[in-house]
Amino acid sequence: TYLTDRILDLEESRETFSFPEGFDLEEWFRYSWGVYRSGKPVKVVIRFYDYFSTLQRVKEELRDRKTCIFREAPAGLIMEDLVDGITEIAVWLRKFGPGAEVIEPQELRAAVQEDLEKLVVIYGG
């Protein structure tokens, strides 16, 4: 993400850094899906279908996410969460293919649909 492999030289500094009073890094990233944040988490609802190992993978990948709620649903699982980083969750969802359906928000559903339309152009359809 930060392209640290492009750093050519480092110089040690004696400067120190202190977090601002009351700042909590875990709380700062609480709703973050990755490293990019808007500061405005949105409710996300996704239906995961029993498609290959989708349900197992989702549960494993999100088991430590404290803001995520799962509900059993016919033919799968519903995941609800507050997410700060809609573009990053859209990228994450691609790997599940037809095993994931965005219920809300419409912005995320549209982003996933746009990605799929681009794939159809690339691969034909």
Protein backbone atom coordinates (compact mmCIF):
# COMPACT_ATOMS: atom_id res chain seq x y z
CA THR A 1 0.00 0.00 0.00
CA TYR A 2 2.72 2.46 0.89
CA LEU A 3 5.28 1.12 -1.63
CA THR A 4 7.98 0.74 1.00
CA ASP A 5 10.00 -1.30 -1.49
CA ARG A 6 10.75 1.99 -3.27
CA ILE A 7 12.58 3.53 -0.31
CA LEU A 8 16.18 3.99 -1.38
CA ASP A 9 17.69 5.59 1.70
CA LEU A 10 16.87 6.16 5.37
CA GLU A 11 18.33 8.51 7.88
CA GLU A 12 17.75 8.05 11.60
CA SER A 13 16.19 10.96 13.42
CA ARG A 14 16.12 11.59 17.14
CA GLU A 15 12.64 13.09 16.87
CA THR A 16 9.87 11.34 18.74
CA PHE A 17 6.16 11.20 18.13
CA SER A 18 3.39 11.05 20.69
CA PHE A 19 -0.23 10.33 19.96
CA PRO A 20 -2.55 13.24 20.72
CA GLU A 21 -4.18 12.99 24.13
CA GLY A 22 -7.23 10.74 24.01
CA PHE A 23 -6.32 9.24 20.62
CA ASP A 24 -6.98 5.50 20.31
CA LEU A 25 -5.59 3.85 17.17
CA GLU A 26 -7.87 0.83 17.49
CA GLU A 27 -10.90 3.11 17.70
CA TRP A 28 -9.59 5.19 14.76
CA PHE A 29 -9.61 2.08 12.53
CA ARG A 30 -12.64 0.41 14.14
CA TYR A 31 -14.86 0.55 11.04
CA SER A 32 -12.05 0.65 8.50
CA TRP A 33 -12.01 -2.10 5.91
CA GLY A 34 -8.40 -1.39 5.01
CA VAL A 35 -6.20 1.65 5.16
CA TYR A 36 -8.34 4.18 3.33
CA ARG A 37 -10.94 5.96 5.41
CA SER A 38 -13.57 8.58 4.73
CA GLY A 39 -14.38 9.04 8.41
CA LYS A 40 -18.02 8.23 7.70
CA PRO A 41 -18.84 4.53 8.17
CA VAL A 42 -21.89 3.25 6.31
CA LYS A 43 -24.08 0.25 6.98
CA VAL A 44 -23.26 -2.65 4.68
CA VAL A 45 -25.47 -5.71 4.21
CA ILE A 46 -24.19 -8.58 2.08
CA ARG A 47 -25.73 -11.97 1.37
CA PHE A 48 -23.20 -14.75 0.95
CA TYR A 49 -24.35 -17.89 -0.81
CA ASP A 50 -23.17 -21.44 -0.24
CA TYR A 51 -21.00 -21.30 -3.35
CA PHE A 52 -17.85 -23.44 -3.19
CA SER A 53 -16.11 -22.40 0.07
CA THR A 54 -17.58 -18.88 0.27
CA LEU A 55 -19.30 -19.26 3.66
CA GLN A 56 -16.26 -20.81 5.31
CA ARG A 57 -13.90 -18.20 3.85
CA VAL A 58 -16.10 -15.28 4.95
CA LYS A 59 -16.37 -16.59 8.50
CA GLU A 60 -12.62 -17.19 8.72
CA GLU A 61 -11.63 -13.84 7.23
CA LEU A 62 -14.01 -11.82 9.41
CA ARG A 63 -13.80 -13.79 12.66
CA ASP A 64 -11.80 -11.06 14.42
CA ARG A 65 -13.81 -8.13 13.10
CA LYS A 66 -15.62 -6.76 16.14
CA THR A 67 -18.28 -4.75 14.27
CA CYS A 68 -19.50 -7.57 12.03
CA ILE A 69 -22.76 -9.45 12.64
CA PHE A 70 -23.77 -12.69 10.90
CA ARG A 71 -27.28 -14.07 10.50
CA GLU A 72 -28.14 -17.43 9.02
CA ALA A 73 -30.35 -17.07 5.94
CA PRO A 74 -31.92 -19.44 3.41
CA ALA A 75 -29.14 -20.69 1.12
CA GLY A 76 -26.44 -18.79 2.96
CA LEU A 77 -25.49 -16.08 5.37
CA ILE A 78 -26.24 -12.38 5.84
CA MET A 79 -23.40 -10.16 7.01
CA GLU A 80 -24.08 -6.71 8.48
CA ASP A 81 -21.37 -4.24 9.38
CA LEU A 82 -20.50 -0.57 9.58
CA VAL A 83 -17.73 -0.01 7.06
CA ASP A 84 -15.42 2.90 6.41
CA GLY A 85 -13.88 2.13 3.05
CA ILE A 86 -16.52 1.21 0.48
CA THR A 87 -14.00 1.03 -2.37
CA GLU A 88 -11.84 -1.45 -0.46
CA ILE A 89 -14.72 -3.74 0.45
CA ALA A 90 -15.79 -3.70 -3.23
CA VAL A 91 -12.36 -5.06 -4.18
CA TRP A 92 -12.59 -7.70 -1.41
CA LEU A 93 -16.01 -8.82 -2.64
CA ARG A 94 -14.75 -9.56 -6.17
CA LYS A 95 -13.03 -12.73 -5.01
CA PHE A 96 -16.37 -14.29 -4.06
CA GLY A 97 -17.86 -13.87 -7.54
CA PRO A 98 -21.48 -15.06 -7.58
CA GLY A 99 -21.10 -16.19 -3.97
CA ALA A 100 -21.76 -12.62 -2.73
CA GLU A 101 -24.63 -10.21 -3.29
CA VAL A 102 -24.60 -6.64 -1.96
CA ILE A 103 -27.97 -5.78 -0.46
CA GLU A 104 -26.98 -2.30 0.73
CA PRO A 105 -25.78 0.38 0.31
CA GLN A 106 -26.66 1.07 -3.30
CA GLU A 107 -23.28 2.82 -3.76
CA LEU A 108 -21.44 -0.43 -3.00
CA ARG A 109 -23.79 -2.50 -5.14
CA ALA A 110 -23.20 -0.11 -8.06
CA ALA A 111 -19.41 -0.28 -7.58
CA VAL A 112 -19.45 -4.09 -7.71
CA GLN A 113 -21.75 -4.05 -10.74
CA GLU A 114 -19.46 -1.56 -12.54
CA ASP A 115 -16.46 -3.84 -11.89
CA LEU A 116 -18.37 -6.81 -13.31
CA GLU A 117 -19.40 -4.86 -16.40
CA LYS A 118 -15.74 -4.01 -17.03
CA LEU A 119 -14.86 -7.70 -16.73
CA VAL A 120 -17.50 -8.59 -19.32
CA VAL A 121 -15.91 -6.08 -21.72
CA ILE A 122 -12.44 -7.50 -21.06
CA TYR A 123 -13.44 -11.17 -21.31
CA GLY A 124 -16.37 -10.85 -23.70
CA GLY A 125 -19.96 -11.69 -23.14
